[in-house]
Protein backbone atom coordinates (compact mmCIF):
# COMPACT_ATOMS: atom_id res chain seq x y z
CA MET A 1 0.00 0.00 0.00
CA LYS A 2 2.91 2.35 0.69
CA ASP A 3 4.09 2.07 -2.91
CA SER A 4 0.51 2.65 -4.10
CA SER A 5 0.13 5.75 -1.95
CA LYS A 6 3.38 7.18 -3.35
CA GLU A 7 2.06 6.56 -6.86
CA VAL A 8 -1.14 8.43 -5.97
CA LEU A 9 0.81 11.41 -4.61
CA THR A 10 2.88 11.52 -7.81
CA PHE A 11 -0.22 11.19 -10.00
CA VAL A 12 -1.99 14.00 -8.17
CA LYS A 13 0.99 16.30 -8.63
CA GLU A 14 1.53 15.48 -12.31
CA ASN A 15 -2.15 15.71 -13.31
CA ASP A 16 -3.09 19.05 -11.72
CA VAL A 17 -5.45 17.44 -9.20
CA LYS A 18 -6.59 20.11 -6.75
CA PHE A 19 -9.31 18.26 -4.83
CA ILE A 20 -9.48 14.65 -3.67
CA ARG A 21 -12.80 13.22 -2.56
CA LEU A 22 -12.54 10.60 0.17
CA ALA A 23 -15.67 8.52 -0.43
CA PHE A 24 -17.39 5.92 1.73
CA CYS A 25 -20.76 4.23 1.99
CA ASP A 26 -22.92 4.93 5.01
CA ASN A 27 -25.14 2.32 6.67
CA MET A 28 -28.11 3.50 4.60
CA GLY A 29 -26.32 2.53 1.39
CA LEU A 30 -25.60 6.13 0.35
CA GLN A 31 -22.24 7.40 -0.82
CA LYS A 32 -20.74 10.20 1.29
CA ASN A 33 -17.46 12.05 0.92
CA ILE A 34 -15.05 14.60 2.35
CA SER A 35 -12.93 16.74 0.00
CA LEU A 36 -9.24 17.31 0.64
CA GLN A 37 -6.60 19.39 -1.05
CA PRO A 38 -3.38 17.66 -2.12
CA GLY A 39 -1.37 18.84 0.89
CA GLU A 40 -3.52 16.74 3.22
CA LEU A 41 -3.33 13.54 1.19
CA GLU A 42 -0.15 12.14 2.73
CA ARG A 43 -1.66 12.55 6.21
CA ALA A 44 -4.77 10.73 5.01
CA PHE A 45 -2.70 7.72 3.96
CA GLU A 46 -0.59 7.70 7.13
CA SER A 47 -3.11 8.32 9.90
CA GLY A 48 -6.53 8.89 8.34
CA ILE A 49 -8.81 11.93 8.26
CA PRO A 50 -11.16 12.35 11.26
CA PHE A 51 -14.84 13.26 10.85
CA ASN A 52 -17.94 13.51 13.06
CA ALA A 53 -19.40 10.07 12.37
CA TRP A 54 -22.11 10.39 15.02
CA GLU A 55 -23.93 12.89 12.79
CA LEU A 56 -24.59 10.23 10.14
CA PRO A 57 -27.89 8.29 10.29
CA GLY A 58 -27.62 4.56 10.82
CA PHE A 59 -24.28 4.59 12.66
CA HIS A 60 -25.88 4.90 16.12
CA LEU A 61 -22.75 6.37 17.68
CA THR A 62 -22.64 8.47 20.84
CA PRO A 63 -22.41 12.26 20.32
CA GLY A 64 -18.86 13.42 19.75
CA THR A 65 -17.63 10.11 18.33
CA LYS A 66 -15.13 10.53 15.53
CA LEU A 67 -14.06 7.98 12.95
CA LEU A 68 -11.15 8.09 10.51
CA LEU A 69 -11.25 7.85 6.73
CA ARG A 70 -8.24 6.00 5.32
CA PRO A 71 -8.17 6.01 1.49
CA ASP A 72 -7.59 2.88 -0.57
CA ALA A 73 -4.99 3.98 -3.13
CA ARG A 74 -6.12 1.25 -5.56
CA THR A 75 -9.45 3.04 -6.08
CA LEU A 76 -8.08 6.36 -7.37
CA ALA A 77 -10.11 7.73 -10.29
CA LEU A 78 -10.48 11.15 -11.87
CA LEU A 79 -14.04 12.50 -12.09
CA PRO A 80 -14.50 13.21 -15.84
CA TRP A 81 -17.41 15.61 -15.33
CA ARG A 82 -15.29 18.00 -13.28
CA PRO A 83 -13.07 20.68 -14.94
CA SER A 84 -9.88 19.54 -16.72
CA THR A 85 -7.91 22.23 -14.89
CA GLY A 86 -7.82 21.94 -11.13
CA ARG A 87 -9.04 18.37 -11.50
CA VAL A 88 -11.01 16.35 -8.95
CA ALA A 89 -10.16 12.75 -8.05
CA ARG A 90 -11.91 10.22 -5.85
CA MET A 91 -10.80 7.32 -3.66
CA PHE A 92 -12.91 4.94 -1.62
CA CYS A 93 -11.98 4.70 2.04
CA ASP A 94 -12.01 2.26 4.91
CA LEU A 95 -13.54 3.47 8.17
CA MET A 96 -11.27 3.30 11.22
CA ASN A 97 -11.79 3.95 14.91
CA ALA A 98 -9.92 6.87 16.49
CA ASP A 99 -7.18 4.45 17.64
CA GLY A 100 -6.59 3.25 14.07
CA THR A 101 -8.36 -0.10 14.38
CA PRO A 102 -11.02 -1.08 11.82
CA TYR A 103 -14.52 0.23 12.63
CA GLY A 104 -16.87 -2.72 13.13
CA GLY A 105 -19.74 -1.06 11.27
CA ASP A 106 -17.81 -0.47 8.04
CA THR A 107 -19.69 -2.40 5.34
CA ARG A 108 -16.72 -2.24 2.96
CA ASP A 109 -14.52 -3.86 5.60
CA MET A 110 -17.20 -6.50 6.21
CA LEU A 111 -17.08 -7.41 2.53
CA GLN A 112 -13.28 -7.60 2.55
CA LYS A 113 -13.42 -9.93 5.57
CA ALA A 114 -15.96 -12.14 3.82
CA VAL A 115 -13.72 -12.32 0.76
CA ARG A 116 -10.72 -13.26 2.92
CA GLU A 117 -12.71 -15.94 4.76
CA ALA A 118 -13.86 -17.38 1.44
CA ALA A 119 -10.26 -17.44 0.18
CA GLU A 120 -9.11 -19.23 3.33
CA ALA A 121 -11.79 -21.86 2.65
CA GLY A 122 -10.56 -22.24 -0.93
CA TYR A 123 -13.12 -20.10 -2.76
CA ALA A 124 -12.82 -17.04 -5.01
CA VAL A 125 -15.91 -14.86 -5.47
CA ARG A 126 -16.78 -12.80 -8.51
CA ILE A 127 -19.95 -10.72 -8.88
CA GLY A 128 -21.69 -9.29 -11.94
CA SER A 129 -24.66 -6.95 -11.83
CA ALA A 130 -27.55 -5.55 -13.84
CA CYS A 131 -29.22 -2.42 -12.50
CA GLU A 132 -32.48 -0.77 -13.54
CA PHE A 133 -33.35 2.85 -12.81
CA TYR A 134 -35.92 5.44 -13.88
CA LEU A 135 -35.29 8.84 -15.42
CA PHE A 136 -37.83 11.53 -14.52
CA ASN A 137 -38.37 15.04 -15.84
CA THR A 138 -37.73 17.90 -13.41
CA ASP A 139 -39.74 21.05 -12.77
CA GLU A 140 -38.67 24.68 -13.16
CA ASN A 141 -36.85 24.47 -9.81
CA GLY A 142 -34.94 21.34 -10.78
CA GLU A 143 -37.01 19.16 -8.45
CA PRO A 144 -38.08 15.69 -9.67
CA THR A 145 -41.59 15.17 -10.97
CA HIS A 146 -43.55 11.93 -11.39
CA THR A 147 -43.36 12.25 -15.19
CA PRO A 148 -41.00 9.70 -16.81
CA GLN A 149 -38.60 10.99 -19.45
CA ASP A 150 -40.31 8.93 -22.17
CA ARG A 151 -43.00 6.33 -22.85
CA GLY A 152 -40.57 3.79 -24.27
CA THR A 153 -40.77 0.04 -23.68
CA PHE A 154 -38.37 -2.90 -23.60
CA PHE A 155 -35.39 -2.54 -25.99
CA ASP A 156 -36.95 0.44 -27.78
CA ILE A 157 -34.87 2.77 -29.94
CA ALA A 158 -35.16 6.52 -30.56
CA PRO A 159 -37.41 8.43 -30.80
CA ALA A 160 -39.47 6.23 -28.44
CA ASP A 161 -36.34 5.76 -26.34
CA ARG A 162 -35.32 9.23 -25.18
CA GLY A 163 -32.78 7.92 -22.70
CA GLU A 164 -30.17 6.70 -25.17
CA ASN A 165 -28.06 9.89 -24.95
CA VAL A 166 -28.05 9.76 -21.15
CA ARG A 167 -27.04 6.08 -21.20
CA ARG A 168 -24.31 6.96 -23.69
CA ASP A 169 -23.00 9.67 -21.34
CA ILE A 170 -23.12 7.20 -18.44
CA CYS A 171 -21.21 4.47 -20.28
CA LEU A 172 -18.56 6.83 -21.69
CA THR A 173 -17.99 8.40 -18.28
CA LEU A 174 -17.64 4.98 -16.67
CA TYR A 175 -15.20 3.96 -19.40
CA GLU A 176 -13.05 7.03 -18.64
CA MET A 177 -13.00 5.89 -15.01
CA GLY A 178 -11.82 2.40 -15.95
CA ILE A 179 -15.23 0.70 -15.61
CA VAL A 180 -16.55 -1.01 -18.76
CA PRO A 181 -20.30 -1.83 -18.90
CA GLU A 182 -21.25 -4.94 -20.83
CA SER A 183 -24.45 -3.48 -22.30
CA SER A 184 -27.20 -0.89 -21.78
CA HIS A 185 -30.74 -0.54 -23.06
CA HIS A 186 -34.22 0.83 -22.43
CA ALA A 187 -36.03 -1.34 -19.90
CA VAL A 188 -39.73 -2.29 -19.65
CA GLY A 189 -41.17 0.76 -17.89
CA PRO A 190 -41.54 4.29 -19.29
CA GLY A 191 -38.33 6.19 -18.65
CA GLN A 192 -36.75 3.00 -17.26
CA ASN A 193 -33.18 2.05 -18.22
CA GLU A 194 -30.78 -0.80 -17.48
CA VAL A 195 -27.00 -1.13 -17.48
CA VAL A 196 -25.28 -4.53 -17.22
CA PHE A 197 -21.76 -5.22 -15.91
CA ARG A 198 -19.54 -8.26 -16.35
CA SER A 199 -18.30 -10.02 -13.25
CA SER A 200 -15.30 -8.79 -11.27
CA ASP A 201 -13.87 -9.51 -7.84
CA ALA A 202 -16.37 -8.79 -5.07
CA LEU A 203 -14.73 -5.62 -3.68
CA SER A 204 -14.25 -4.05 -7.13
CA ALA A 205 -17.85 -4.93 -8.02
CA ALA A 206 -19.10 -3.11 -4.91
CA ASP A 207 -16.86 -0.06 -5.42
CA ASN A 208 -17.77 0.09 -9.11
CA PHE A 209 -21.48 -0.10 -8.34
CA MET A 210 -21.24 2.87 -5.96
CA THR A 211 -19.38 4.74 -8.70
CA PHE A 212 -22.05 3.76 -11.24
CA LYS A 213 -24.86 5.19 -9.12
CA SER A 214 -23.06 8.52 -8.70
CA VAL A 215 -22.33 8.68 -12.45
CA VAL A 216 -26.00 7.99 -13.29
CA LYS A 217 -27.16 10.75 -10.92
CA GLN A 218 -24.63 13.17 -12.40
CA ALA A 219 -25.47 12.36 -16.04
CA ALA A 220 -29.19 12.71 -15.33
CA ALA A 221 -28.72 16.10 -13.65
CA VAL A 222 -26.64 17.44 -16.55
CA ASN A 223 -29.49 16.51 -18.88
CA GLY A 224 -32.12 18.18 -16.71
CA LEU A 225 -33.44 14.87 -15.38
CA TYR A 226 -33.64 13.00 -12.09
CA ALA A 227 -32.48 9.39 -11.72
CA SER A 228 -34.32 7.16 -9.23
CA PHE A 229 -33.05 3.81 -7.99
CA MET A 230 -36.17 3.25 -5.87
CA PRO A 231 -37.57 -0.30 -6.21
CA LYS A 232 -40.95 1.00 -7.41
CA PRO A 233 -41.13 4.77 -7.96
CA LEU A 234 -44.31 4.45 -10.07
CA GLU A 235 -47.08 2.34 -8.55
CA GLN A 236 -48.61 1.24 -11.86
CA GLU A 237 -45.34 0.59 -13.72
CA LYS A 238 -42.57 -1.98 -13.73
CA SER A 239 -40.42 -2.30 -10.63
CA SER A 240 -36.69 -1.61 -10.84
CA ALA A 241 -34.39 -4.49 -9.96
CA LEU A 242 -30.76 -4.86 -8.98
CA THR A 243 -29.66 -8.28 -10.17
CA LEU A 244 -26.46 -9.79 -8.77
CA MET A 245 -24.79 -12.71 -10.55
CA PHE A 246 -22.46 -14.74 -8.33
CA GLU A 247 -19.58 -16.84 -9.59
CA ILE A 248 -17.97 -18.99 -6.88
CA TYR A 249 -14.72 -20.61 -7.96
CA LYS A 250 -13.00 -23.54 -6.31
CA ASP A 251 -9.81 -24.96 -7.84
CA GLY A 252 -10.44 -22.71 -10.85
CA LYS A 253 -13.92 -24.10 -11.51
CA ASN A 254 -17.23 -22.29 -11.07
CA ILE A 255 -19.26 -24.44 -8.66
CA PHE A 256 -22.50 -23.39 -10.41
CA GLU A 257 -21.48 -24.64 -13.86
CA GLU A 258 -22.71 -28.22 -13.42
CA LYS A 259 -26.30 -29.06 -14.40
CA THR A 260 -26.74 -30.73 -11.02
CA LEU A 261 -25.60 -28.36 -8.28
CA GLU A 262 -22.87 -29.54 -5.94
CA PRO A 263 -23.74 -29.59 -2.20
CA GLU A 264 -21.56 -26.52 -1.60
CA ALA A 265 -23.43 -24.60 -4.32
CA CYS A 266 -26.73 -25.51 -2.68
CA SER A 267 -25.32 -24.37 0.68
CA PHE A 268 -24.41 -20.99 -0.82
CA VAL A 269 -27.95 -20.54 -2.16
CA ALA A 270 -29.35 -21.59 1.23
CA GLY A 271 -27.21 -18.93 2.90
CA ILE A 272 -28.58 -16.25 0.56
CA LEU A 273 -32.16 -17.37 1.28
CA GLN A 274 -31.51 -17.29 5.01
CA ARG A 275 -30.41 -13.64 4.76
CA LEU A 276 -33.26 -12.47 2.55
CA PRO A 277 -34.93 -10.36 5.31
CA GLU A 278 -31.70 -8.35 5.75
CA LEU A 279 -31.14 -8.09 1.99
CA MET A 280 -34.66 -6.83 1.39
């Protein structure tokens, strides 16, 4: 990590980066961030940046409690929608207690622990995703309305599909950030869209999905629209789904590839079913 942090410091200097966003996911599933200027970045790598975590909903911390944000140098990415001079970069962070130990409520750390435990048991986990979302028109104040951007249906093309330019912006922006979608298209509902991603390691899949949501929101706003990831923003229309595709490898072989599932594959599915209340 030390070599990676040195590379980040060099990159920031050579690419005129003036602000660095330290991003993390709160316990409500929302991305949050703190912005730093380059002079504070070395301190962030060495000891972390403190913030008032007790103010965040879902953390249930006592007033005055501070946590530390420690950036993961591997997640550095420039934000393409920000100016090309005085550029803005982003890194995802791990949450630490004030004494430097991992914070037990950090969902990113929980995922990393699960990946390590799987590796110790001889398994490698890869996750793909397909995410649906709605695009709504906004009013004169920029607030979202209940009017979808179009009346398109499944796999429609322009002019029925009015979301193709937004999806193009989304995919090109992701590509600039090193994330390559597999496909995108108009979904079933009016103003509903879907973007599909190939599988990657579990931590990258999670980080990339958080990036994807922020890119969608940004692209929608630039086009005078509002993007909603709500499961069912329109009562009479198609629900929006987040589909996760798991690949579990043991000895280089995906345990789900056989027509008849192995006992360990069935156990994995049983574990998912057992946790459905928490997942929903």
